[in-house]
Structure formats: structure tokens, C-alpha cells
Amino acid sequence: MADIEALSDLKSAFSQFDDMTALIGRMQNYANEITQYNQEAAGSDKIGQQYHTTVDQPTTDLVTLMKQVYDVVNMTGQGGQATSDQFDLADEDGASIANGGS
């Protein structure tokens, strides 16, 4: 039977996802600000309308994409840390059983 071993630094590796999530959150805030500035600055004349036709959908798509990336990275980090905790508990249980504990 193959031994399953968790990396000793697994939890710390997944804790770096918190930093990535924070960075993506800041990027998301910037994208929201850019969207707001674009909507306020372009105006509503013909040139402004053409600008909005060209720019509004891509900036909305960018904000949506940043939210999706944020959610996936955040869930991955939390799931990885929870998995690492489960490996640690399994190691503790295995050591206890091997030492005659229950």
C-alpha cells in the first residue's frame, strides 16, 4: 500500500493564497474605480456614447472576471488549509494508534 504524506509546509503554502486573494481584491477595487471614472468622464454626447459602446462592456467583463478569480483563489486557499488540517489530524490519529492510544 502506498503511503500518503502531506507536505510539511502544505498549510503555509496555502496560506499564501490569502495574500493572493488580498492582491486580487485590490485589483478588483481598481477595476471598479476605473469603471466608475469611465462612466462619469465620458459624457453623453455622440463621442461619449461611442466611448461607452466601446469601453463599458469590456470594463464590466473585467470586473466580473476579477470577482470570479477572487472567489476561486479564496476558495482554493481555504480548502487547501482545511485539507492540510485534515492531514495533520490523520497524522496525529495514526501516531496515537501506533503508540497504543485510541
C-alpha atoms as a PDB file:
ATOM      1  CA  MET A   1       0.000   0.000   0.000  1.00  0.00           C
ATOM      2  CA  ALA A   2       1.313   3.453  -0.880  1.00  0.00           C
ATOM      3  CA  ASP A   3       1.890   5.905   1.921  1.00  0.00           C
ATOM      4  CA  ILE A   4       0.079   9.230   1.644  1.00  0.00           C
ATOM      5  CA  GLU A   5       2.129  12.035   3.050  1.00  0.00           C
ATOM      6  CA  ALA A   6       1.206  15.691   3.376  1.00  0.00           C
ATOM      7  CA  LEU A   7       3.944  18.159   2.659  1.00  0.00           C
ATOM      8  CA  SER A   8       5.261  19.603   5.880  1.00  0.00           C
ATOM      9  CA  ASP A   9       4.752  23.110   4.544  1.00  0.00           C
ATOM     10  CA  LEU A  10       1.356  22.456   2.951  1.00  0.00           C
ATOM     11  CA  LYS A  11      -0.523  24.786   5.299  1.00  0.00           C
ATOM     12  CA  SER A  12       1.977  27.606   4.795  1.00  0.00           C
ATOM     13  CA  ALA A  13       1.820  27.119   1.032  1.00  0.00           C
ATOM     14  CA  PHE A  14      -1.948  27.517   1.085  1.00  0.00           C
ATOM     15  CA  SER A  15      -1.717  30.465   3.479  1.00  0.00           C
ATOM     16  CA  GLN A  16      -0.073  32.356   0.611  1.00  0.00           C
ATOM     17  CA  PHE A  17      -3.458  32.229  -1.090  1.00  0.00           C
ATOM     18  CA  ASP A  18      -4.598  34.823   1.478  1.00  0.00           C
ATOM     19  CA  ASP A  19      -2.001  37.230   0.062  1.00  0.00           C
ATOM     20  CA  MET A  20      -3.113  36.449  -3.482  1.00  0.00           C
ATOM     21  CA  THR A  21      -6.748  36.979  -2.526  1.00  0.00           C
ATOM     22  CA  ALA A  22      -5.900  40.361  -0.993  1.00  0.00           C
ATOM     23  CA  LEU A  23      -3.969  41.389  -4.120  1.00  0.00           C
ATOM     24  CA  ILE A  24      -6.817  40.329  -6.398  1.00  0.00           C
ATOM     25  CA  GLY A  25      -9.246  42.216  -4.142  1.00  0.00           C
ATOM     26  CA  ARG A  26      -7.183  45.395  -4.575  1.00  0.00           C
ATOM     27  CA  MET A  27      -7.121  44.838  -8.351  1.00  0.00           C
ATOM     28  CA  GLN A  28     -10.888  44.392  -8.258  1.00  0.00           C
ATOM     29  CA  ASN A  29     -11.255  47.712  -6.421  1.00  0.00           C
ATOM     30  CA  TYR A  30      -9.109  49.444  -9.048  1.00  0.00           C
ATOM     31  CA  ALA A  31     -11.199  47.936 -11.843  1.00  0.00           C
ATOM     32  CA  ASN A  32     -14.359  49.192 -10.119  1.00  0.00           C
ATOM     33  CA  GLU A  33     -12.833  52.677  -9.791  1.00  0.00           C
ATOM     34  CA  ILE A  34     -11.820  52.700 -13.448  1.00  0.00           C
ATOM     35  CA  THR A  35     -15.341  51.670 -14.422  1.00  0.00           C
ATOM     36  CA  GLN A  36     -16.804  54.481 -12.337  1.00  0.00           C
ATOM     37  CA  TYR A  37     -14.361  57.049 -13.754  1.00  0.00           C
ATOM     38  CA  ASN A  38     -15.143  55.919 -17.295  1.00  0.00           C
ATOM     39  CA  GLN A  39     -18.869  56.265 -16.724  1.00  0.00           C
ATOM     40  CA  GLU A  40     -18.530  59.712 -15.183  1.00  0.00           C
ATOM     41  CA  ALA A  41     -15.918  61.199 -17.506  1.00  0.00           C
ATOM     42  CA  ALA A  42     -17.025  60.207 -20.986  1.00  0.00           C
ATOM     43  CA  GLY A  43     -20.207  62.230 -21.061  1.00  0.00           C
ATOM     44  CA  SER A  44     -23.352  61.537 -23.002  1.00  0.00           C
ATOM     45  CA  ASP A  45     -22.735  63.339 -26.308  1.00  0.00           C
ATOM     46  CA  LYS A  46     -22.075  61.364 -29.504  1.00  0.00           C
ATOM     47  CA  ILE A  47     -18.400  60.865 -28.697  1.00  0.00           C
ATOM     48  CA  GLY A  48     -19.269  59.835 -25.127  1.00  0.00           C
ATOM     49  CA  GLN A  49     -21.870  57.386 -26.391  1.00  0.00           C
ATOM     50  CA  GLN A  50     -19.361  55.877 -28.814  1.00  0.00           C
ATOM     51  CA  TYR A  51     -16.841  55.650 -25.997  1.00  0.00           C
ATOM     52  CA  HIS A  52     -19.369  53.894 -23.758  1.00  0.00           C
ATOM     53  CA  THR A  53     -20.277  51.493 -26.578  1.00  0.00           C
ATOM     54  CA  THR A  54     -16.606  50.547 -26.865  1.00  0.00           C
ATOM     55  CA  VAL A  55     -15.493  50.586 -23.225  1.00  0.00           C
ATOM     56  CA  ASP A  56     -18.411  49.793 -20.913  1.00  0.00           C
ATOM     57  CA  GLN A  57     -18.810  46.093 -21.708  1.00  0.00           C
ATOM     58  CA  PRO A  58     -15.079  45.226 -21.505  1.00  0.00           C
ATOM     59  CA  THR A  59     -14.725  47.005 -18.158  1.00  0.00           C
ATOM     60  CA  THR A  60     -17.831  45.231 -16.862  1.00  0.00           C
ATOM     61  CA  ASP A  61     -16.364  41.947 -18.084  1.00  0.00           C
ATOM     62  CA  LEU A  62     -13.087  42.751 -16.317  1.00  0.00           C
ATOM     63  CA  VAL A  63     -14.871  43.419 -13.026  1.00  0.00           C
ATOM     64  CA  THR A  64     -16.817  40.158 -13.399  1.00  0.00           C
ATOM     65  CA  LEU A  65     -13.636  38.218 -14.202  1.00  0.00           C
ATOM     66  CA  MET A  66     -11.798  39.698 -11.214  1.00  0.00           C
ATOM     67  CA  LYS A  67     -14.682  38.642  -8.938  1.00  0.00           C
ATOM     68  CA  GLN A  68     -14.589  35.103 -10.308  1.00  0.00           C
ATOM     69  CA  VAL A  69     -10.802  34.863  -9.906  1.00  0.00           C
ATOM     70  CA  TYR A  70     -11.066  36.264  -6.381  1.00  0.00           C
ATOM     71  CA  ASP A  71     -13.697  33.689  -5.436  1.00  0.00           C
ATOM     72  CA  VAL A  72     -11.741  30.737  -6.884  1.00  0.00           C
ATOM     73  CA  VAL A  73      -8.427  31.737  -5.292  1.00  0.00           C
ATOM     74  CA  ASN A  74     -10.138  32.374  -1.955  1.00  0.00           C
ATOM     75  CA  MET A  75     -11.975  29.015  -2.021  1.00  0.00           C
ATOM     76  CA  THR A  76      -8.792  27.192  -3.061  1.00  0.00           C
ATOM     77  CA  GLY A  77      -6.807  28.727  -0.210  1.00  0.00           C
ATOM     78  CA  GLN A  78      -9.458  27.930   2.375  1.00  0.00           C
ATOM     79  CA  GLY A  79      -9.941  24.415   1.026  1.00  0.00           C
ATOM     80  CA  GLY A  80      -6.209  23.778   0.974  1.00  0.00           C
ATOM     81  CA  GLN A  81      -5.805  24.922   4.552  1.00  0.00           C
ATOM     82  CA  ALA A  82      -8.737  22.741   5.636  1.00  0.00           C
ATOM     83  CA  THR A  83      -7.226  19.770   3.782  1.00  0.00           C
ATOM     84  CA  SER A  84      -3.891  20.383   5.480  1.00  0.00           C
ATOM     85  CA  ASP A  85      -5.684  20.417   8.852  1.00  0.00           C
ATOM     86  CA  GLN A  86      -7.267  17.052   7.997  1.00  0.00           C
ATOM     87  CA  PHE A  87      -3.864  15.583   7.095  1.00  0.00           C
ATOM     88  CA  ASP A  88      -2.460  16.859  10.404  1.00  0.00           C
ATOM     89  CA  LEU A  89      -5.334  15.265  12.330  1.00  0.00           C
ATOM     90  CA  ALA A  90      -4.865  11.992  10.445  1.00  0.00           C
ATOM     91  CA  ASP A  91      -1.143  12.031  11.266  1.00  0.00           C
ATOM     92  CA  GLU A  92      -1.931  12.656  14.941  1.00  0.00           C
ATOM     93  CA  ASP A  93      -4.531   9.867  14.975  1.00  0.00           C
ATOM     94  CA  GLY A  94      -2.127   7.489  13.244  1.00  0.00           C
ATOM     95  CA  ALA A  95       0.661   8.272  15.722  1.00  0.00           C
ATOM     96  CA  SER A  96      -1.732   7.816  18.627  1.00  0.00           C
ATOM     97  CA  ILE A  97      -2.906   4.455  17.331  1.00  0.00           C
ATOM     98  CA  ALA A  98       0.660   3.341  16.631  1.00  0.00           C
ATOM     99  CA  ASN A  99       1.633   4.230  20.188  1.00  0.00           C
ATOM    100  CA  GLY A 100      -1.186   2.146  21.632  1.00  0.00           C
ATOM    101  CA  GLY A 101      -3.646   5.006  22.146  1.00  0.00           C
ATOM    102  CA  SER A 102      -7.191   5.025  20.943  1.00  0.00           C
END
